[in-house]
Amino acid sequence: MELFQDLRSADFENIAPGVRRFVFTLERVMLAYFQLEPGARIAMHSHPHEQVGILIEGRTLWRMGGQERLLEAPALYRVPSGEPHEVEVVGDHRVLVMDAFSPIREDFLSSETPPYMK
């Protein structure tokens, strides 16, 4: 297990059109680094995991908890367990986000495209 990772040389997975992901995990916590290209969208979905994230670069439109919110980097967000949410890239620039999940998302350990990203 690597203890350090330079994200410039990380082995990203292309998991959907315009969406690349790199995961960094231990037994009980997971970080997922996403690169989203202009026009990318992650459709409404929910999961039992708690999620907190950092919008590092770019602008995103979130729909969650009966709200629609435009976020511009730098910004933080949290997604409670079971909360339906969706996000889309706004504008012509790439979006970078880092999400932490607990417990880890076993589904992220495979390279299959999640159904809400198809």
PDB file of N, CA and C in Angstrom:
ATOM      1  N   MET A   1       0.844  -1.175   0.000  1.00  0.00           N
ATOM      2  CA  MET A   1       0.000   0.000   0.000  1.00  0.00           C
ATOM      3  C   MET A   1       0.891   1.241   0.000  1.00  0.00           C
ATOM      4  N   GLU A   2       0.653   2.113  -0.969  1.00  0.00           N
ATOM      5  CA  GLU A   2       1.383   3.380  -1.036  1.00  0.00           C
ATOM      6  C   GLU A   2       0.855   4.329   0.040  1.00  0.00           C
ATOM      7  N   LEU A   3       1.750   4.980   0.738  1.00  0.00           N
ATOM      8  CA  LEU A   3       1.350   5.924   1.777  1.00  0.00           C
ATOM      9  C   LEU A   3       1.216   7.346   1.259  1.00  0.00           C
ATOM     10  N   PHE A   4       1.789   7.619   0.092  1.00  0.00           N
ATOM     11  CA  PHE A   4       1.752   8.951  -0.501  1.00  0.00           C
ATOM     12  C   PHE A   4       1.375   8.834  -1.970  1.00  0.00           C
ATOM     13  N   GLN A   5       0.757   9.875  -2.522  1.00  0.00           N
ATOM     14  CA  GLN A   5       0.381   9.854  -3.938  1.00  0.00           C
ATOM     15  C   GLN A   5       0.487  11.254  -4.511  1.00  0.00           C
ATOM     16  N   ASP A   6       1.257  11.402  -5.565  1.00  0.00           N
ATOM     17  CA  ASP A   6       1.318  12.646  -6.326  1.00  0.00           C
ATOM     18  C   ASP A   6       0.172  12.594  -7.329  1.00  0.00           C
ATOM     19  N   LEU A   7      -0.798  13.480  -7.190  1.00  0.00           N
ATOM     20  CA  LEU A   7      -1.975  13.426  -8.067  1.00  0.00           C
ATOM     21  C   LEU A   7      -1.641  13.735  -9.523  1.00  0.00           C
ATOM     22  N   ARG A   8      -0.513  14.384  -9.764  1.00  0.00           N
ATOM     23  CA  ARG A   8      -0.120  14.652 -11.156  1.00  0.00           C
ATOM     24  C   ARG A   8       0.226  13.369 -11.896  1.00  0.00           C
ATOM     25  N   SER A   9       0.592  12.327 -11.157  1.00  0.00           N
ATOM     26  CA  SER A   9       0.942  11.054 -11.794  1.00  0.00           C
ATOM     27  C   SER A   9      -0.024   9.931 -11.404  1.00  0.00           C
ATOM     28  N   ALA A  10      -1.169  10.285 -10.848  1.00  0.00           N
ATOM     29  CA  ALA A  10      -2.147   9.277 -10.420  1.00  0.00           C
ATOM     30  C   ALA A  10      -2.761   8.565 -11.622  1.00  0.00           C
ATOM     31  N   ASP A  11      -3.131   7.316 -11.419  1.00  0.00           N
ATOM     32  CA  ASP A  11      -3.745   6.489 -12.460  1.00  0.00           C
ATOM     33  C   ASP A  11      -5.266   6.659 -12.397  1.00  0.00           C
ATOM     34  N   PHE A  12      -5.771   7.683 -13.068  1.00  0.00           N
ATOM     35  CA  PHE A  12      -7.199   7.984 -13.056  1.00  0.00           C
ATOM     36  C   PHE A  12      -7.973   6.994 -13.913  1.00  0.00           C
ATOM     37  N   GLU A  13      -9.201   6.687 -13.482  1.00  0.00           N
ATOM     38  CA  GLU A  13     -10.122   5.858 -14.268  1.00  0.00           C
ATOM     39  C   GLU A  13     -11.104   6.768 -14.988  1.00  0.00           C
ATOM     40  N   ASN A  14     -11.375   6.474 -16.241  1.00  0.00           N
ATOM     41  CA  ASN A  14     -12.461   7.141 -16.963  1.00  0.00           C
ATOM     42  C   ASN A  14     -13.728   6.359 -16.644  1.00  0.00           C
ATOM     43  N   ILE A  15     -14.597   6.916 -15.812  1.00  0.00           N
ATOM     44  CA  ILE A  15     -15.768   6.149 -15.370  1.00  0.00           C
ATOM     45  C   ILE A  15     -17.052   6.533 -16.085  1.00  0.00           C
ATOM     46  N   ALA A  16     -17.033   7.645 -16.797  1.00  0.00           N
ATOM     47  CA  ALA A  16     -18.196   8.093 -17.573  1.00  0.00           C
ATOM     48  C   ALA A  16     -17.696   9.198 -18.492  1.00  0.00           C
ATOM     49  N   PRO A  17     -18.473   9.556 -19.510  1.00  0.00           N
ATOM     50  CA  PRO A  17     -18.033  10.644 -20.385  1.00  0.00           C
ATOM     51  C   PRO A  17     -17.758  11.927 -19.589  1.00  0.00           C
ATOM     52  N   GLY A  18     -16.531  12.410 -19.679  1.00  0.00           N
ATOM     53  CA  GLY A  18     -16.158  13.646 -18.997  1.00  0.00           C
ATOM     54  C   GLY A  18     -15.904  13.516 -17.514  1.00  0.00           C
ATOM     55  N   VAL A  19     -15.847  12.273 -16.992  1.00  0.00           N
ATOM     56  CA  VAL A  19     -15.654  12.067 -15.550  1.00  0.00           C
ATOM     57  C   VAL A  19     -14.501  11.085 -15.329  1.00  0.00           C
ATOM     58  N   ARG A  20     -13.474  11.563 -14.611  1.00  0.00           N
ATOM     59  CA  ARG A  20     -12.336  10.718 -14.249  1.00  0.00           C
ATOM     60  C   ARG A  20     -12.235  10.689 -12.732  1.00  0.00           C
ATOM     61  N   ARG A  21     -11.793   9.515 -12.200  1.00  0.00           N
ATOM     62  CA  ARG A  21     -11.761   9.350 -10.742  1.00  0.00           C
ATOM     63  C   ARG A  21     -10.484   8.631 -10.324  1.00  0.00           C
ATOM     64  N   PHE A  22      -9.958   9.050  -9.175  1.00  0.00           N
ATOM     65  CA  PHE A  22      -8.853   8.350  -8.522  1.00  0.00           C
ATOM     66  C   PHE A  22      -9.240   8.169  -7.061  1.00  0.00           C
ATOM     67  N   VAL A  23      -9.135   6.945  -6.544  1.00  0.00           N
ATOM     68  CA  VAL A  23      -9.490   6.702  -5.139  1.00  0.00           C
ATOM     69  C   VAL A  23      -8.238   6.379  -4.329  1.00  0.00           C
ATOM     70  N   PHE A  24      -8.258   6.826  -3.091  1.00  0.00           N
ATOM     71  CA  PHE A  24      -7.162   6.654  -2.141  1.00  0.00           C
ATOM     72  C   PHE A  24      -7.826   6.236  -0.844  1.00  0.00           C
ATOM     73  N   THR A  25      -7.540   5.024  -0.367  1.00  0.00           N
ATOM     74  CA  THR A  25      -8.361   4.477   0.703  1.00  0.00           C
ATOM     75  C   THR A  25      -7.554   3.747   1.768  1.00  0.00           C
ATOM     76  N   LEU A  26      -8.140   3.685   2.928  1.00  0.00           N
ATOM     77  CA  LEU A  26      -7.708   2.808   4.007  1.00  0.00           C
ATOM     78  C   LEU A  26      -8.890   1.895   4.322  1.00  0.00           C
ATOM     79  N   GLU A  27      -8.862   1.256   5.459  1.00  0.00           N
ATOM     80  CA  GLU A  27      -9.923   0.303   5.788  1.00  0.00           C
ATOM     81  C   GLU A  27     -11.276   0.967   6.034  1.00  0.00           C
ATOM     82  N   ARG A  28     -11.297   2.149   6.676  1.00  0.00           N
ATOM     83  CA  ARG A  28     -12.564   2.760   7.069  1.00  0.00           C
ATOM     84  C   ARG A  28     -12.833   4.136   6.480  1.00  0.00           C
ATOM     85  N   VAL A  29     -11.932   4.654   5.682  1.00  0.00           N
ATOM     86  CA  VAL A  29     -12.144   5.974   5.083  1.00  0.00           C
ATOM     87  C   VAL A  29     -11.608   5.968   3.655  1.00  0.00           C
ATOM     88  N   MET A  30     -12.272   6.742   2.802  1.00  0.00           N
ATOM     89  CA  MET A  30     -11.894   6.800   1.392  1.00  0.00           C
ATOM     90  C   MET A  30     -11.913   8.245   0.918  1.00  0.00           C
ATOM     91  N   LEU A  31     -10.900   8.606   0.135  1.00  0.00           N
ATOM     92  CA  LEU A  31     -10.894   9.864  -0.603  1.00  0.00           C
ATOM     93  C   LEU A  31     -11.076   9.530  -2.075  1.00  0.00           C
ATOM     94  N   ALA A  32     -11.901  10.309  -2.742  1.00  0.00           N
ATOM     95  CA  ALA A  32     -12.095  10.152  -4.184  1.00  0.00           C
ATOM     96  C   ALA A  32     -11.855  11.511  -4.821  1.00  0.00           C
ATOM     97  N   TYR A  33     -10.896  11.562  -5.728  1.00  0.00           N
ATOM     98  CA  TYR A  33     -10.541  12.790  -6.432  1.00  0.00           C
ATOM     99  C   TYR A  33     -11.164  12.705  -7.814  1.00  0.00           C
ATOM    100  N   PHE A  34     -11.987  13.675  -8.160  1.00  0.00           N
ATOM    101  CA  PHE A  34     -12.702  13.677  -9.438  1.00  0.00           C
ATOM    102  C   PHE A  34     -12.248  14.837 -10.309  1.00  0.00           C
ATOM    103  N   GLN A  35     -12.125  14.562 -11.608  1.00  0.00           N
ATOM    104  CA  GLN A  35     -11.946  15.585 -12.630  1.00  0.00           C
ATOM    105  C   GLN A  35     -13.180  15.518 -13.516  1.00  0.00           C
ATOM    106  N   LEU A  36     -13.914  16.614 -13.595  1.00  0.00           N
ATOM    107  CA  LEU A  36     -15.147  16.672 -14.384  1.00  0.00           C
ATOM    108  C   LEU A  36     -14.968  17.709 -15.491  1.00  0.00           C
ATOM    109  N   GLU A  37     -15.219  17.308 -16.706  1.00  0.00           N
ATOM    110  CA  GLU A  37     -15.066  18.204 -17.849  1.00  0.00           C
ATOM    111  C   GLU A  37     -16.344  19.019 -18.060  1.00  0.00           C
ATOM    112  N   PRO A  38     -16.257  20.136 -18.768  1.00  0.00           N
ATOM    113  CA  PRO A  38     -17.464  20.924 -19.054  1.00  0.00           C
ATOM    114  C   PRO A  38     -18.561  20.040 -19.654  1.00  0.00           C
ATOM    115  N   GLY A  39     -19.783  20.237 -19.170  1.00  0.00           N
ATOM    116  CA  GLY A  39     -20.921  19.449 -19.635  1.00  0.00           C
ATOM    117  C   GLY A  39     -21.158  18.173 -18.856  1.00  0.00           C
ATOM    118  N   ALA A  40     -20.215  17.764 -18.003  1.00  0.00           N
ATOM    119  CA  ALA A  40     -20.384  16.526 -17.227  1.00  0.00           C
ATOM    120  C   ALA A  40     -21.478  16.709 -16.179  1.00  0.00           C
ATOM    121  N   ARG A  41     -22.176  15.614 -15.917  1.00  0.00           N
ATOM    122  CA  ARG A  41     -23.282  15.633 -14.951  1.00  0.00           C
ATOM    123  C   ARG A  41     -23.321  14.300 -14.225  1.00  0.00           C
ATOM    124  N   ILE A  42     -23.515  14.349 -12.931  1.00  0.00           N
ATOM    125  CA  ILE A  42     -23.727  13.146 -12.122  1.00  0.00           C
ATOM    126  C   ILE A  42     -25.183  13.192 -11.692  1.00  0.00           C
ATOM    127  N   ALA A  43     -25.978  12.269 -12.234  1.00  0.00           N
ATOM    128  CA  ALA A  43     -27.432  12.277 -12.055  1.00  0.00           C
ATOM    129  C   ALA A  43     -27.829  12.027 -10.599  1.00  0.00           C
ATOM    130  N   MET A  44     -29.082  12.337 -10.302  1.00  0.00           N
ATOM    131  CA  MET A  44     -29.631  12.159  -8.962  1.00  0.00           C
ATOM    132  C   MET A  44     -29.394  10.721  -8.492  1.00  0.00           C
ATOM    133  N   HIS A  45     -28.854  10.596  -7.289  1.00  0.00           N
ATOM    134  CA  HIS A  45     -28.595   9.287  -6.690  1.00  0.00           C
ATOM    135  C   HIS A  45     -28.456   9.479  -5.180  1.00  0.00           C
ATOM    136  N   SER A  46     -28.415   8.385  -4.470  1.00  0.00           N
ATOM    137  CA  SER A  46     -28.153   8.428  -3.035  1.00  0.00           C
ATOM    138  C   SER A  46     -27.329   7.201  -2.676  1.00  0.00           C
ATOM    139  N   HIS A  47     -26.743   7.229  -1.504  1.00  0.00           N
ATOM    140  CA  HIS A  47     -25.948   6.102  -1.014  1.00  0.00           C
ATOM    141  C   HIS A  47     -25.961   6.150   0.511  1.00  0.00           C
ATOM    142  N   PRO A  48     -25.700   5.012   1.147  1.00  0.00           N
ATOM    143  CA  PRO A  48     -25.740   4.981   2.611  1.00  0.00           C
ATOM    144  C   PRO A  48     -24.522   5.626   3.275  1.00  0.00           C
ATOM    145  N   HIS A  49     -23.542   6.024   2.497  1.00  0.00           N
ATOM    146  CA  HIS A  49     -22.299   6.582   3.028  1.00  0.00           C
ATOM    147  C   HIS A  49     -22.453   8.067   3.348  1.00  0.00           C
ATOM    148  N   GLU A  50     -21.769   8.522   4.387  1.00  0.00           N
ATOM    149  CA  GLU A  50     -21.645   9.952   4.614  1.00  0.00           C
ATOM    150  C   GLU A  50     -20.573  10.474   3.667  1.00  0.00           C
ATOM    151  N   GLN A  51     -20.772  11.691   3.168  1.00  0.00           N
ATOM    152  CA  GLN A  51     -19.850  12.267   2.185  1.00  0.00           C
ATOM    153  C   GLN A  51     -19.606  13.731   2.528  1.00  0.00           C
ATOM    154  N   VAL A  52     -18.346  14.122   2.556  1.00  0.00           N
ATOM    155  CA  VAL A  52     -17.984  15.529   2.638  1.00  0.00           C
ATOM    156  C   VAL A  52     -17.000  15.801   1.510  1.00  0.00           C
ATOM    157  N   GLY A  53     -17.061  17.014   0.956  1.00  0.00           N
ATOM    158  CA  GLY A  53     -16.199  17.284  -0.183  1.00  0.00           C
ATOM    159  C   GLY A  53     -15.721  18.712  -0.251  1.00  0.00           C
ATOM    160  N   ILE A  54     -14.699  18.874  -1.081  1.00  0.00           N
ATOM    161  CA  ILE A  54     -14.099  20.177  -1.354  1.00  0.00           C
ATOM    162  C   ILE A  54     -14.161  20.408  -2.858  1.00  0.00           C
ATOM    163  N   LEU A  55     -14.792  21.493  -3.253  1.00  0.00           N
ATOM    164  CA  LEU A  55     -14.739  21.935  -4.639  1.00  0.00           C
ATOM    165  C   LEU A  55     -13.451  22.742  -4.761  1.00  0.00           C
ATOM    166  N   ILE A  56     -12.465  22.164  -5.445  1.00  0.00           N
ATOM    167  CA  ILE A  56     -11.127  22.744  -5.524  1.00  0.00           C
ATOM    168  C   ILE A  56     -11.022  23.762  -6.651  1.00  0.00           C
ATOM    169  N   GLU A  57     -11.664  23.443  -7.761  1.00  0.00           N
ATOM    170  CA  GLU A  57     -11.556  24.285  -8.954  1.00  0.00           C
ATOM    171  C   GLU A  57     -12.853  24.200  -9.738  1.00  0.00           C
ATOM    172  N   GLY A  58     -13.332  25.329 -10.251  1.00  0.00           N
ATOM    173  CA  GLY A  58     -14.499  25.339 -11.128  1.00  0.00           C
ATOM    174  C   GLY A  58     -15.791  25.725 -10.436  1.00  0.00           C
ATOM    175  N   ARG A  59     -16.893  25.509 -11.171  1.00  0.00           N
ATOM    176  CA  ARG A  59     -18.239  25.843 -10.685  1.00  0.00           C
ATOM    177  C   ARG A  59     -19.152  24.647 -10.917  1.00  0.00           C
ATOM    178  N   THR A  60     -20.020  24.377  -9.936  1.00  0.00           N
ATOM    179  CA  THR A  60     -20.969  23.268 -10.034  1.00  0.00           C
ATOM    180  C   THR A  60     -22.346  23.713  -9.567  1.00  0.00           C
ATOM    181  N   LEU A  61     -23.358  23.079 -10.133  1.00  0.00           N
ATOM    182  CA  LEU A  61     -24.735  23.287  -9.699  1.00  0.00           C
ATOM    183  C   LEU A  61     -25.181  22.023  -8.987  1.00  0.00           C
ATOM    184  N   TRP A  62     -25.561  22.165  -7.728  1.00  0.00           N
ATOM    185  CA  TRP A  62     -25.995  21.046  -6.887  1.00  0.00           C
ATOM    186  C   TRP A  62     -27.500  21.092  -6.691  1.00  0.00           C
ATOM    187  N   ARG A  63     -28.102  19.925  -6.662  1.00  0.00           N
ATOM    188  CA  ARG A  63     -29.504  19.770  -6.258  1.00  0.00           C
ATOM    189  C   ARG A  63     -29.514  18.741  -5.131  1.00  0.00           C
ATOM    190  N   MET A  64     -29.979  19.198  -3.949  1.00  0.00           N
ATOM    191  CA  MET A  64     -29.953  18.331  -2.774  1.00  0.00           C
ATOM    192  C   MET A  64     -30.802  18.968  -1.682  1.00  0.00           C
ATOM    193  N   GLY A  65     -31.502  18.133  -0.931  1.00  0.00           N
ATOM    194  CA  GLY A  65     -32.262  18.624   0.212  1.00  0.00           C
ATOM    195  C   GLY A  65     -33.311  19.651  -0.143  1.00  0.00           C
ATOM    196  N   GLY A  66     -33.910  19.525  -1.339  1.00  0.00           N
ATOM    197  CA  GLY A  66     -34.913  20.479  -1.777  1.00  0.00           C
ATOM    198  C   GLY A  66     -34.336  21.821  -2.201  1.00  0.00           C
ATOM    199  N   GLN A  67     -33.025  21.909  -2.317  1.00  0.00           N
ATOM    200  CA  GLN A  67     -32.361  23.155  -2.704  1.00  0.00           C
ATOM    201  C   GLN A  67     -31.610  22.982  -4.022  1.00  0.00           C
ATOM    202  N   GLU A  68     -31.411  24.090  -4.701  1.00  0.00           N
ATOM    203  CA  GLU A  68     -30.528  24.143  -5.859  1.00  0.00           C
ATOM    204  C   GLU A  68     -29.490  25.202  -5.526  1.00  0.00           C
ATOM    205  N   ARG A  69     -28.213  24.829  -5.585  1.00  0.00           N
ATOM    206  CA  ARG A  69     -27.166  25.742  -5.132  1.00  0.00           C
ATOM    207  C   ARG A  69     -26.009  25.759  -6.118  1.00  0.00           C
ATOM    208  N   LEU A  70     -25.612  26.957  -6.538  1.00  0.00           N
ATOM    209  CA  LEU A  70     -24.439  27.136  -7.385  1.00  0.00           C
ATOM    210  C   LEU A  70     -23.232  27.304  -6.474  1.00  0.00           C
ATOM    211  N   LEU A  71     -22.240  26.437  -6.627  1.00  0.00           N
ATOM    212  CA  LEU A  71     -21.009  26.532  -5.839  1.00  0.00           C
ATOM    213  C   LEU A  71     -19.858  26.933  -6.748  1.00  0.00           C
ATOM    214  N   GLU A  72     -19.019  27.817  -6.245  1.00  0.00           N
ATOM    215  CA  GLU A  72     -17.817  28.229  -6.962  1.00  0.00           C
ATOM    216  C   GLU A  72     -16.621  27.985  -6.054  1.00  0.00           C
ATOM    217  N   ALA A  73     -15.570  27.401  -6.608  1.00  0.00           N
ATOM    218  CA  ALA A  73     -14.386  27.065  -5.815  1.00  0.00           C
ATOM    219  C   ALA A  73     -13.724  28.333  -5.273  1.00  0.00           C
ATOM    220  N   PRO A  74     -13.205  28.215  -4.058  1.00  0.00           N
ATOM    221  CA  PRO A  74     -13.195  27.062  -3.182  1.00  0.00           C
ATOM    222  C   PRO A  74     -14.479  26.994  -2.354  1.00  0.00           C
ATOM    223  N   ALA A  75     -15.000  25.794  -2.188  1.00  0.00           N
ATOM    224  CA  ALA A  75     -16.240  25.612  -1.427  1.00  0.00           C
ATOM    225  C   ALA A  75     -16.259  24.212  -0.824  1.00  0.00           C
ATOM    226  N   LEU A  76     -17.040  24.069   0.228  1.00  0.00           N
ATOM    227  CA  LEU A  76     -17.229  22.783   0.899  1.00  0.00           C
ATOM    228  C   LEU A  76     -18.681  22.359   0.781  1.00  0.00           C
ATOM    229  N   TYR A  77     -18.921  21.059   0.844  1.00  0.00           N
ATOM    230  CA  TYR A  77     -20.288  20.537   0.859  1.00  0.00           C
ATOM    231  C   TYR A  77     -20.308  19.247   1.660  1.00  0.00           C
ATOM    232  N   ARG A  78     -21.497  18.899   2.133  1.00  0.00           N
ATOM    233  CA  ARG A  78     -21.675  17.623   2.834  1.00  0.00           C
ATOM    234  C   ARG A  78     -22.968  16.989   2.374  1.00  0.00           C
ATOM    235  N   VAL A  79     -22.933  15.673   2.287  1.00  0.00           N
ATOM    236  CA  VAL A  79     -24.084  14.889   1.840  1.00  0.00           C
ATOM    237  C   VAL A  79     -24.374  13.856   2.927  1.00  0.00           C
ATOM    238  N   PRO A  80     -25.471  14.019   3.671  1.00  0.00           N
ATOM    239  CA  PRO A  80     -25.806  13.035   4.700  1.00  0.00           C
ATOM    240  C   PRO A  80     -26.131  11.671   4.090  1.00  0.00           C
ATOM    241  N   SER A  81     -25.992  10.656   4.870  1.00  0.00           N
ATOM    242  CA  SER A  81     -26.325   9.296   4.449  1.00  0.00           C
ATOM    243  C   SER A  81     -27.755   9.240   3.923  1.00  0.00           C
ATOM    244  N   GLY A  82     -27.929   8.659   2.735  1.00  0.00           N
ATOM    245  CA  GLY A  82     -29.253   8.470   2.152  1.00  0.00           C
ATOM    246  C   GLY A  82     -29.848   9.686   1.464  1.00  0.00           C
ATOM    247  N   GLU A  83     -29.158  10.822   1.447  1.00  0.00           N
ATOM    248  CA  GLU A  83     -29.698  12.057   0.852  1.00  0.00           C
ATOM    249  C   GLU A  83     -29.563  12.037  -0.676  1.00  0.00           C
ATOM    250  N   PRO A  84     -30.679  12.098  -1.418  1.00  0.00           N
ATOM    251  CA  PRO A  84     -30.578  12.181  -2.879  1.00  0.00           C
ATOM    252  C   PRO A  84     -29.890  13.493  -3.292  1.00  0.00           C
ATOM    253  N   HIS A  85     -28.991  13.388  -4.269  1.00  0.00           N
ATOM    254  CA  HIS A  85     -28.249  14.561  -4.728  1.00  0.00           C
ATOM    255  C   HIS A  85     -27.773  14.368  -6.160  1.00  0.00           C
ATOM    256  N   GLU A  86     -27.570  15.496  -6.848  1.00  0.00           N
ATOM    257  CA  GLU A  86     -26.983  15.475  -8.187  1.00  0.00           C
ATOM    258  C   GLU A  86     -26.148  16.726  -8.362  1.00  0.00           C
ATOM    259  N   VAL A  87     -25.224  16.662  -9.314  1.00  0.00           N
ATOM    260  CA  VAL A  87     -24.320  17.794  -9.543  1.00  0.00           C
ATOM    261  C   VAL A  87     -23.966  17.857 -11.023  1.00  0.00           C
ATOM    262  N   GLU A  88     -23.823  19.075 -11.522  1.00  0.00           N
ATOM    263  CA  GLU A  88     -23.389  19.243 -12.906  1.00  0.00           C
ATOM    264  C   GLU A  88     -22.388  20.387 -12.998  1.00  0.00           C
ATOM    265  N   VAL A  89     -21.505  20.266 -13.964  1.00  0.00           N
ATOM    266  CA  VAL A  89     -20.499  21.295 -14.209  1.00  0.00           C
ATOM    267  C   VAL A  89     -21.177  22.500 -14.849  1.00  0.00           C
ATOM    268  N   VAL A  90     -20.818  23.688 -14.372  1.00  0.00           N
ATOM    269  CA  VAL A  90     -21.335  24.938 -14.924  1.00  0.00           C
ATOM    270  C   VAL A  90     -20.166  25.670 -15.581  1.00  0.00           C
ATOM    271  N   GLY A  91     -20.359  26.076 -16.819  1.00  0.00           N
ATOM    272  CA  GLY A  91     -19.328  26.852 -17.502  1.00  0.00           C
ATOM    273  C   GLY A  91     -18.421  26.008 -18.372  1.00  0.00           C
ATOM    274  N   ASP A  92     -17.363  26.650 -18.839  1.00  0.00           N
ATOM    275  CA  ASP A  92     -16.454  26.052 -19.819  1.00  0.00           C
ATOM    276  C   ASP A  92     -15.151  25.549 -19.220  1.00  0.00           C
ATOM    277  N   HIS A  93     -15.079  25.450 -17.910  1.00  0.00           N
ATOM    278  CA  HIS A  93     -13.830  25.048 -17.271  1.00  0.00           C
ATOM    279  C   HIS A  93     -13.986  23.725 -16.533  1.00  0.00           C
ATOM    280  N   ARG A  94     -12.894  22.990 -16.457  1.00  0.00           N
ATOM    281  CA  ARG A  94     -12.852  21.721 -15.733  1.00  0.00           C
ATOM    282  C   ARG A  94     -13.131  21.954 -14.248  1.00  0.00           C
ATOM    283  N   VAL A  95     -13.724  20.961 -13.622  1.00  0.00           N
ATOM    284  CA  VAL A  95     -14.005  20.983 -12.190  1.00  0.00           C
ATOM    285  C   VAL A  95     -13.152  19.918 -11.511  1.00  0.00           C
ATOM    286  N   LEU A  96     -12.561  20.270 -10.373  1.00  0.00           N
ATOM    287  CA  LEU A  96     -11.817  19.326  -9.550  1.00  0.00           C
ATOM    288  C   LEU A  96     -12.474  19.282  -8.182  1.00  0.00           C
ATOM    289  N   VAL A  97     -12.775  18.076  -7.713  1.00  0.00           N
ATOM    290  CA  VAL A  97     -13.349  17.908  -6.382  1.00  0.00           C
ATOM    291  C   VAL A  97     -12.654  16.761  -5.661  1.00  0.00           C
ATOM    292  N   MET A  98     -12.632  16.854  -4.340  1.00  0.00           N
ATOM    293  CA  MET A  98     -12.124  15.785  -3.494  1.00  0.00           C
ATOM    294  C   MET A  98     -13.229  15.433  -2.519  1.00  0.00           C
ATOM    295  N   ASP A  99     -13.675  14.174  -2.559  1.00  0.00           N
ATOM    296  CA  ASP A  99     -14.728  13.699  -1.671  1.00  0.00           C
ATOM    297  C   ASP A  99     -14.163  12.687  -0.688  1.00  0.00           C
ATOM    298  N   ALA A 100     -14.641  12.745   0.546  1.00  0.00           N
ATOM    299  CA  ALA A 100     -14.317  11.741   1.558  1.00  0.00           C
ATOM    300  C   ALA A 100     -15.593  10.986   1.880  1.00  0.00           C
ATOM    301  N   PHE A 101     -15.485   9.672   1.997  1.00  0.00           N
ATOM    302  CA  PHE A 101     -16.635   8.817   2.271  1.00  0.00           C
ATOM    303  C   PHE A 101     -16.356   7.941   3.477  1.00  0.00           C
ATOM    304  N   SER A 102     -17.393   7.748   4.287  1.00  0.00           N
ATOM    305  CA  SER A 102     -17.321   6.799   5.381  1.00  0.00           C
ATOM    306  C   SER A 102     -18.684   6.145   5.543  1.00  0.00           C
ATOM    307  N   PRO A 103     -18.726   4.815   5.596  1.00  0.00           N
ATOM    308  CA  PRO A 103     -17.601   3.915   5.343  1.00  0.00           C
ATOM    309  C   PRO A 103     -17.174   4.001   3.882  1.00  0.00           C
ATOM    310  N   ILE A 104     -16.131   3.259   3.528  1.00  0.00           N
ATOM    311  CA  ILE A 104     -15.644   3.335   2.155  1.00  0.00           C
ATOM    312  C   ILE A 104     -16.709   2.836   1.185  1.00  0.00           C
ATOM    313  N   ARG A 105     -16.646   3.336  -0.031  1.00  0.00           N
ATOM    314  CA  ARG A 105     -17.575   2.935  -1.093  1.00  0.00           C
ATOM    315  C   ARG A 105     -16.979   1.751  -1.828  1.00  0.00           C
ATOM    316  N   GLU A 106     -17.442   0.576  -1.470  1.00  0.00           N
ATOM    317  CA  GLU A 106     -16.961  -0.645  -2.132  1.00  0.00           C
ATOM    318  C   GLU A 106     -17.183  -0.572  -3.635  1.00  0.00           C
ATOM    319  N   ASP A 107     -18.284   0.079  -4.070  1.00  0.00           N
ATOM    320  CA  ASP A 107     -18.566   0.173  -5.505  1.00  0.00           C
ATOM    321  C   ASP A 107     -17.510   1.003  -6.234  1.00  0.00           C
ATOM    322  N   PHE A 108     -16.796   1.871  -5.543  1.00  0.00           N
ATOM    323  CA  PHE A 108     -15.745   2.664  -6.178  1.00  0.00           C
ATOM    324  C   PHE A 108     -14.467   1.855  -6.393  1.00  0.00           C
ATOM    325  N   LEU A 109     -14.380   0.684  -5.791  1.00  0.00           N
ATOM    326  CA  LEU A 109     -13.183  -0.135  -5.944  1.00  0.00           C
ATOM    327  C   LEU A 109     -13.190  -0.925  -7.248  1.00  0.00           C
ATOM    328  N   SER A 110     -14.301  -0.912  -7.966  1.00  0.00           N
ATOM    329  CA  SER A 110     -14.359  -1.535  -9.292  1.00  0.00           C
ATOM    330  C   SER A 110     -14.331  -0.424 -10.332  1.00  0.00           C
ATOM    331  N   SER A 111     -14.036  -0.778 -11.564  1.00  0.00           N
ATOM    332  CA  SER A 111     -13.958   0.239 -12.617  1.00  0.00           C
ATOM    333  C   SER A 111     -15.250   0.340 -13.414  1.00  0.00           C
ATOM    334  N   GLU A 112     -16.320  -0.276 -12.925  1.00  0.00           N
ATOM    335  CA  GLU A 112     -17.602  -0.193 -13.626  1.00  0.00           C
ATOM    336  C   GLU A 112     -18.189   1.208 -13.494  1.00  0.00           C
ATOM    337  N   THR A 113     -18.880   1.633 -14.539  1.00  0.00           N
ATOM    338  CA  THR A 113     -19.555   2.924 -14.509  1.00  0.00           C
ATOM    339  C   THR A 113     -20.807   2.814 -13.646  1.00  0.00           C
ATOM    340  N   PRO A 114     -20.942   3.664 -12.623  1.00  0.00           N
ATOM    341  CA  PRO A 114     -22.157   3.627 -11.807  1.00  0.00           C
ATOM    342  C   PRO A 114     -23.384   3.924 -12.670  1.00  0.00           C
ATOM    343  N   PRO A 115     -24.534   3.299 -12.371  1.00  0.00           N
ATOM    344  CA  PRO A 115     -25.727   3.493 -13.198  1.00  0.00           C
ATOM    345  C   PRO A 115     -26.177   4.949 -13.294  1.00  0.00           C
ATOM    346  N   TYR A 116     -25.951   5.754 -12.271  1.00  0.00           N
ATOM    347  CA  TYR A 116     -26.383   7.152 -12.306  1.00  0.00           C
ATOM    348  C   TYR A 116     -25.450   8.028 -13.144  1.00  0.00           C
ATOM    349  N   MET A 117     -24.385   7.454 -13.714  1.00  0.00           N
ATOM    350  CA  MET A 117     -23.471   8.214 -14.568  1.00  0.00           C
ATOM    351  C   MET A 117     -23.590   7.807 -16.031  1.00  0.00           C
ATOM    352  N   LYS A 118     -24.493   6.909 -16.333  1.00  0.00           N
ATOM    353  CA  LYS A 118     -24.639   6.448 -17.719  1.00  0.00           C
ATOM    354  C   LYS A 118     -25.563   7.350 -18.491  1.00  0.00           C
TER     355      LYS A 118
END
